[in-house]
C-alpha atoms as a PDB file:
ATOM      1  CA  UNK A   1       0.000   0.000   0.000  1.00  0.00           C
ATOM      2  CA  UNK A   2       2.846   2.399   0.786  1.00  0.00           C
ATOM      3  CA  UNK A   3       4.454   1.790  -2.638  1.00  0.00           C
ATOM      4  CA  UNK A   4       1.139   2.659  -4.304  1.00  0.00           C
ATOM      5  CA  UNK A   5       0.934   6.013  -2.465  1.00  0.00           C
ATOM      6  CA  UNK A   6       4.524   6.895  -3.396  1.00  0.00           C
ATOM      7  CA  UNK A   7       3.859   6.037  -7.035  1.00  0.00           C
ATOM      8  CA  UNK A   8       0.639   8.107  -6.961  1.00  0.00           C
ATOM      9  CA  UNK A   9       2.458  11.087  -5.375  1.00  0.00           C
ATOM     10  CA  UNK A  10       5.254  10.885  -7.957  1.00  0.00           C
ATOM     11  CA  UNK A  11       2.678  10.796 -10.775  1.00  0.00           C
ATOM     12  CA  UNK A  12       0.931  13.873  -9.333  1.00  0.00           C
ATOM     13  CA  UNK A  13       4.242  15.727  -9.243  1.00  0.00           C
ATOM     14  CA  UNK A  14       4.887  14.882 -12.906  1.00  0.00           C
ATOM     15  CA  UNK A  15       1.398  16.061 -13.892  1.00  0.00           C
ATOM     16  CA  UNK A  16       1.766  19.303 -11.906  1.00  0.00           C
ATOM     17  CA  UNK A  17       5.194  19.960 -13.449  1.00  0.00           C
ATOM     18  CA  UNK A  18       3.811  19.336 -16.951  1.00  0.00           C
ATOM     19  CA  UNK A  19       0.878  21.655 -16.314  1.00  0.00           C
ATOM     20  CA  UNK A  20       3.227  24.316 -14.967  1.00  0.00           C
ATOM     21  CA  UNK A  21       5.452  24.073 -18.046  1.00  0.00           C
ATOM     22  CA  UNK A  22       2.407  24.265 -20.311  1.00  0.00           C
ATOM     23  CA  UNK A  23       1.096  27.353 -18.505  1.00  0.00           C
ATOM     24  CA  UNK A  24       4.522  29.004 -18.718  1.00  0.00           C
ATOM     25  CA  UNK A  25       4.600  28.361 -22.473  1.00  0.00           C
ATOM     26  CA  UNK A  26       1.126  29.881 -22.859  1.00  0.00           C
ATOM     27  CA  UNK A  27       2.109  32.969 -20.877  1.00  0.00           C
ATOM     28  CA  UNK A  28       5.282  33.392 -22.948  1.00  0.00           C
ATOM     29  CA  UNK A  29       3.259  33.029 -26.166  1.00  0.00           C
ATOM     30  CA  UNK A  30       0.723  35.592 -24.949  1.00  0.00           C
ATOM     31  CA  UNK A  31       3.519  38.057 -24.210  1.00  0.00           C
ATOM     32  CA  UNK A  32       4.820  37.722 -27.771  1.00  0.00           C
ATOM     33  CA  UNK A  33       1.316  38.147 -29.227  1.00  0.00           C
ATOM     34  CA  UNK A  34       0.756  41.460 -27.424  1.00  0.00           C
ATOM     35  CA  UNK A  35      -0.662  44.201 -29.626  1.00  0.00           C
ATOM     36  CA  UNK A  36       0.184  47.871 -29.891  1.00  0.00           C
ATOM     37  CA  UNK A  37      -2.958  49.703 -28.760  1.00  0.00           C
ATOM     38  CA  UNK A  38      -3.858  53.236 -29.776  1.00  0.00           C
ATOM     39  CA  UNK A  39      -7.091  55.084 -28.995  1.00  0.00           C
ATOM     40  CA  UNK A  40      -9.374  56.291 -31.777  1.00  0.00           C
ATOM     41  CA  UNK A  41      -8.310  59.758 -33.025  1.00  0.00           C
ATOM     42  CA  UNK A  42      -5.170  59.656 -30.864  1.00  0.00           C
ATOM     43  CA  UNK A  43      -1.493  59.280 -31.732  1.00  0.00           C
ATOM     44  CA  UNK A  44       1.145  57.141 -30.005  1.00  0.00           C
ATOM     45  CA  UNK A  45       4.886  57.095 -30.584  1.00  0.00           C
ATOM     46  CA  UNK A  46       6.509  53.813 -31.572  1.00  0.00           C
ATOM     47  CA  UNK A  47      10.292  53.622 -31.121  1.00  0.00           C
ATOM     48  CA  UNK A  48      12.070  51.047 -33.288  1.00  0.00           C
ATOM     49  CA  UNK A  49      15.103  49.079 -32.088  1.00  0.00           C
ATOM     50  CA  UNK A  50      16.882  49.449 -35.461  1.00  0.00           C
ATOM     51  CA  UNK A  51      16.667  52.021 -38.267  1.00  0.00           C
ATOM     52  CA  UNK A  52      13.915  51.213 -40.773  1.00  0.00           C
ATOM     53  CA  UNK A  53      13.957  51.855 -44.507  1.00  0.00           C
ATOM     54  CA  UNK A  54      10.335  50.863 -45.194  1.00  0.00           C
ATOM     55  CA  UNK A  55       7.269  51.021 -42.974  1.00  0.00           C
ATOM     56  CA  UNK A  56       3.904  49.664 -44.113  1.00  0.00           C
ATOM     57  CA  UNK A  57       0.485  49.593 -42.462  1.00  0.00           C
ATOM     58  CA  UNK A  58      -1.898  46.789 -43.413  1.00  0.00           C
ATOM     59  CA  UNK A  59      -5.112  48.840 -43.501  1.00  0.00           C
ATOM     60  CA  UNK A  60      -4.663  52.628 -43.529  1.00  0.00           C
ATOM     61  CA  UNK A  61      -8.396  53.080 -42.878  1.00  0.00           C
ATOM     62  CA  UNK A  62      -7.851  51.616 -39.379  1.00  0.00           C
ATOM     63  CA  UNK A  63      -4.482  53.160 -38.485  1.00  0.00           C
ATOM     64  CA  UNK A  64      -2.137  55.609 -40.132  1.00  0.00           C
ATOM     65  CA  UNK A  65       1.589  56.154 -39.657  1.00  0.00           C
ATOM     66  CA  UNK A  66       3.775  59.232 -39.765  1.00  0.00           C
ATOM     67  CA  UNK A  67       7.509  58.536 -39.997  1.00  0.00           C
ATOM     68  CA  UNK A  68       9.589  61.058 -38.053  1.00  0.00           C
ATOM     69  CA  UNK A  69      12.943  59.368 -38.462  1.00  0.00           C
ATOM     70  CA  UNK A  70      14.515  56.003 -39.118  1.00  0.00           C
ATOM     71  CA  UNK A  71      13.717  54.852 -35.559  1.00  0.00           C
ATOM     72  CA  UNK A  72      10.579  56.865 -34.665  1.00  0.00           C
ATOM     73  CA  UNK A  73       7.048  56.312 -36.008  1.00  0.00           C
ATOM     74  CA  UNK A  74       3.778  57.883 -34.868  1.00  0.00           C
ATOM     75  CA  UNK A  75       0.694  55.659 -35.138  1.00  0.00           C
ATOM     76  CA  UNK A  76      -2.746  57.306 -35.302  1.00  0.00           C
ATOM     77  CA  UNK A  77      -6.024  55.458 -34.750  1.00  0.00           C
ATOM     78  CA  UNK A  78      -8.417  56.189 -37.652  1.00  0.00           C
ATOM     79  CA  UNK A  79     -11.268  53.710 -37.002  1.00  0.00           C
ATOM     80  CA  UNK A  80     -11.957  50.746 -34.754  1.00  0.00           C
ATOM     81  CA  UNK A  81     -10.312  47.468 -35.666  1.00  0.00           C
ATOM     82  CA  UNK A  82      -7.031  45.628 -35.890  1.00  0.00           C
ATOM     83  CA  UNK A  83      -4.384  45.788 -38.592  1.00  0.00           C
ATOM     84  CA  UNK A  84      -0.640  45.229 -38.721  1.00  0.00           C
ATOM     85  CA  UNK A  85       2.482  47.340 -39.090  1.00  0.00           C
ATOM     86  CA  UNK A  86       5.617  45.999 -40.766  1.00  0.00           C
ATOM     87  CA  UNK A  87       9.022  47.690 -40.705  1.00  0.00           C
ATOM     88  CA  UNK A  88      11.966  46.477 -42.780  1.00  0.00           C
ATOM     89  CA  UNK A  89      15.586  47.552 -43.059  1.00  0.00           C
ATOM     90  CA  UNK A  90      17.329  48.617 -46.270  1.00  0.00           C
ATOM     91  CA  UNK A  91      18.001  44.981 -47.198  1.00  0.00           C
ATOM     92  CA  UNK A  92      14.342  43.972 -46.805  1.00  0.00           C
ATOM     93  CA  UNK A  93      14.796  42.127 -43.504  1.00  0.00           C
ATOM     94  CA  UNK A  94      11.878  42.456 -41.088  1.00  0.00           C
ATOM     95  CA  UNK A  95      12.631  44.634 -38.080  1.00  0.00           C
ATOM     96  CA  UNK A  96       9.107  44.616 -36.706  1.00  0.00           C
ATOM     97  CA  UNK A  97       5.798  42.906 -37.492  1.00  0.00           C
ATOM     98  CA  UNK A  98       3.271  44.212 -35.005  1.00  0.00           C
ATOM     99  CA  UNK A  99      -0.504  43.981 -34.583  1.00  0.00           C
ATOM    100  CA  UNK A 100      -2.088  47.417 -34.108  1.00  0.00           C
ATOM    101  CA  UNK A 101      -5.486  47.638 -32.380  1.00  0.00           C
ATOM    102  CA  UNK A 102      -7.498  50.846 -32.424  1.00  0.00           C
ATOM    103  CA  UNK A 103      -9.593  50.999 -29.273  1.00  0.00           C
ATOM    104  CA  UNK A 104     -12.227  53.347 -27.852  1.00  0.00           C
ATOM    105  CA  UNK A 105     -11.230  56.394 -25.853  1.00  0.00           C
ATOM    106  CA  UNK A 106     -11.766  55.333 -22.302  1.00  0.00           C
ATOM    107  CA  UNK A 107     -11.344  58.269 -19.972  1.00  0.00           C
ATOM    108  CA  UNK A 108     -13.830  60.910 -21.003  1.00  0.00           C
ATOM    109  CA  UNK A 109     -16.176  59.437 -23.599  1.00  0.00           C
ATOM    110  CA  UNK A 110     -19.777  58.587 -22.754  1.00  0.00           C
ATOM    111  CA  UNK A 111     -22.080  56.746 -25.155  1.00  0.00           C
ATOM    112  CA  UNK A 112     -25.836  57.164 -24.744  1.00  0.00           C
ATOM    113  CA  UNK A 113     -27.942  54.423 -26.316  1.00  0.00           C
ATOM    114  CA  UNK A 114     -31.508  55.390 -27.241  1.00  0.00           C
ATOM    115  CA  UNK A 115     -33.565  52.645 -28.844  1.00  0.00           C
ATOM    116  CA  UNK A 116     -31.542  51.310 -31.739  1.00  0.00           C
ATOM    117  CA  UNK A 117     -29.233  54.339 -32.022  1.00  0.00           C
ATOM    118  CA  UNK A 118     -26.461  55.949 -30.070  1.00  0.00           C
ATOM    119  CA  UNK A 119     -25.047  59.397 -29.337  1.00  0.00           C
ATOM    120  CA  UNK A 120     -21.494  60.084 -28.159  1.00  0.00           C
ATOM    121  CA  UNK A 121     -20.343  62.737 -25.694  1.00  0.00           C
ATOM    122  CA  UNK A 122     -16.937  63.948 -24.548  1.00  0.00           C
ATOM    123  CA  UNK A 123     -17.152  64.903 -20.881  1.00  0.00           C
ATOM    124  CA  UNK A 124     -14.077  67.023 -20.091  1.00  0.00           C
ATOM    125  CA  UNK A 125     -15.147  68.874 -17.965  1.00  0.00           C
ATOM    126  CA  UNK A 126     -18.652  69.343 -19.392  1.00  0.00           C
ATOM    127  CA  UNK A 127     -20.428  66.790 -21.630  1.00  0.00           C
ATOM    128  CA  UNK A 128     -20.664  67.895 -25.260  1.00  0.00           C
ATOM    129  CA  UNK A 129     -21.720  65.960 -28.365  1.00  0.00           C
ATOM    130  CA  UNK A 130     -18.934  64.593 -30.543  1.00  0.00           C
ATOM    131  CA  UNK A 131     -19.243  62.628 -33.783  1.00  0.00           C
ATOM    132  CA  UNK A 132     -18.194  59.020 -33.282  1.00  0.00           C
ATOM    133  CA  UNK A 133     -18.301  55.837 -35.323  1.00  0.00           C
ATOM    134  CA  UNK A 134     -21.616  54.093 -34.681  1.00  0.00           C
ATOM    135  CA  UNK A 135     -23.647  57.226 -33.875  1.00  0.00           C
ATOM    136  CA  UNK A 136     -27.064  57.812 -35.465  1.00  0.00           C
ATOM    137  CA  UNK A 137     -26.414  58.933 -39.076  1.00  0.00           C
ATOM    138  CA  UNK A 138     -28.644  62.055 -38.882  1.00  0.00           C
ATOM    139  CA  UNK A 139     -27.053  63.366 -35.699  1.00  0.00           C
ATOM    140  CA  UNK A 140     -23.569  62.420 -36.911  1.00  0.00           C
ATOM    141  CA  UNK A 141     -24.022  64.239 -40.245  1.00  0.00           C
ATOM    142  CA  UNK A 142     -25.510  67.345 -38.583  1.00  0.00           C
ATOM    143  CA  UNK A 143     -22.710  67.556 -36.023  1.00  0.00           C
ATOM    144  CA  UNK A 144     -20.000  66.951 -38.646  1.00  0.00           C
ATOM    145  CA  UNK A 145     -21.479  69.709 -40.834  1.00  0.00           C
ATOM    146  CA  UNK A 146     -21.521  72.125 -37.879  1.00  0.00           C
ATOM    147  CA  UNK A 147     -17.850  71.394 -37.169  1.00  0.00           C
ATOM    148  CA  UNK A 148     -16.974  71.836 -40.865  1.00  0.00           C
ATOM    149  CA  UNK A 149     -18.855  75.163 -41.015  1.00  0.00           C
ATOM    150  CA  UNK A 150     -17.101  76.335 -37.842  1.00  0.00           C
ATOM    151  CA  UNK A 151     -13.679  75.474 -39.264  1.00  0.00           C
ATOM    152  CA  UNK A 152     -14.571  77.192 -42.548  1.00  0.00           C
ATOM    153  CA  UNK A 153     -15.656  80.380 -40.743  1.00  0.00           C
ATOM    154  CA  UNK A 154     -12.460  80.431 -38.683  1.00  0.00           C
ATOM    155  CA  UNK A 155     -10.341  79.904 -41.815  1.00  0.00           C
ATOM    156  CA  UNK A 156     -12.158  82.708 -43.665  1.00  0.00           C
ATOM    157  CA  UNK A 157     -11.690  85.092 -40.742  1.00  0.00           C
ATOM    158  CA  UNK A 158      -7.970  84.350 -40.483  1.00  0.00           C
ATOM    159  CA  UNK A 159      -7.517  84.749 -44.262  1.00  0.00           C
ATOM    160  CA  UNK A 160      -9.364  88.081 -44.153  1.00  0.00           C
ATOM    161  CA  UNK A 161      -7.086  89.277 -41.359  1.00  0.00           C
ATOM    162  CA  UNK A 162      -4.014  88.123 -43.272  1.00  0.00           C
ATOM    163  CA  UNK A 163      -5.214  89.979 -46.386  1.00  0.00           C
ATOM    164  CA  UNK A 164      -5.828  93.161 -44.351  1.00  0.00           C
ATOM    165  CA  UNK A 165      -2.325  92.926 -42.857  1.00  0.00           C
ATOM    166  CA  UNK A 166      -0.814  92.393 -46.296  1.00  0.00           C
ATOM    167  CA  UNK A 167      -2.643  95.489 -47.640  1.00  0.00           C
ATOM    168  CA  UNK A 168      -1.102  97.642 -44.916  1.00  0.00           C
ATOM    169  CA  UNK A 169      -4.022  97.688 -42.557  1.00  0.00           C
ATOM    170  CA  UNK A 170      -2.320  95.520 -39.950  1.00  0.00           C
ATOM    171  CA  UNK A 171      -1.184  96.428 -36.464  1.00  0.00           C
ATOM    172  CA  UNK A 172       2.011  98.474 -36.383  1.00  0.00           C
END
């Protein structure tokens, strides 16, 4: 009976060790599969370990890149989803192959669901409507048009001021 218990204990230790090794392998694999996350309409810097000659984004509708130097790239979230970013050196060797996930802004965005539609608000410090992917089309279009009109009015005003300054009517 004692030999049976020893054999059973030894078998348990082998099973526990195998499970531990399997879990460690899963954790290591998960660490390698980590994605680069950027919030919608935000930009994050990505520093490369080696200088890159070519940088490509899988789907530019999801994320966009702006190359600042051979080792610095800015990634901007354009729309929700996941794509990839590949960087190669001058000989075509891969430096980086990274999944990029565009996620929702978490800190100050509130989404109000009414029936089958939604409205989005940015609450810093006061809640105001903002156009967001998934909002009701009518409200989204109206708000986008208001923003466009506001930008157009500001641009016209600044161009008028610049023209007045150029004509000699500016501040001395």
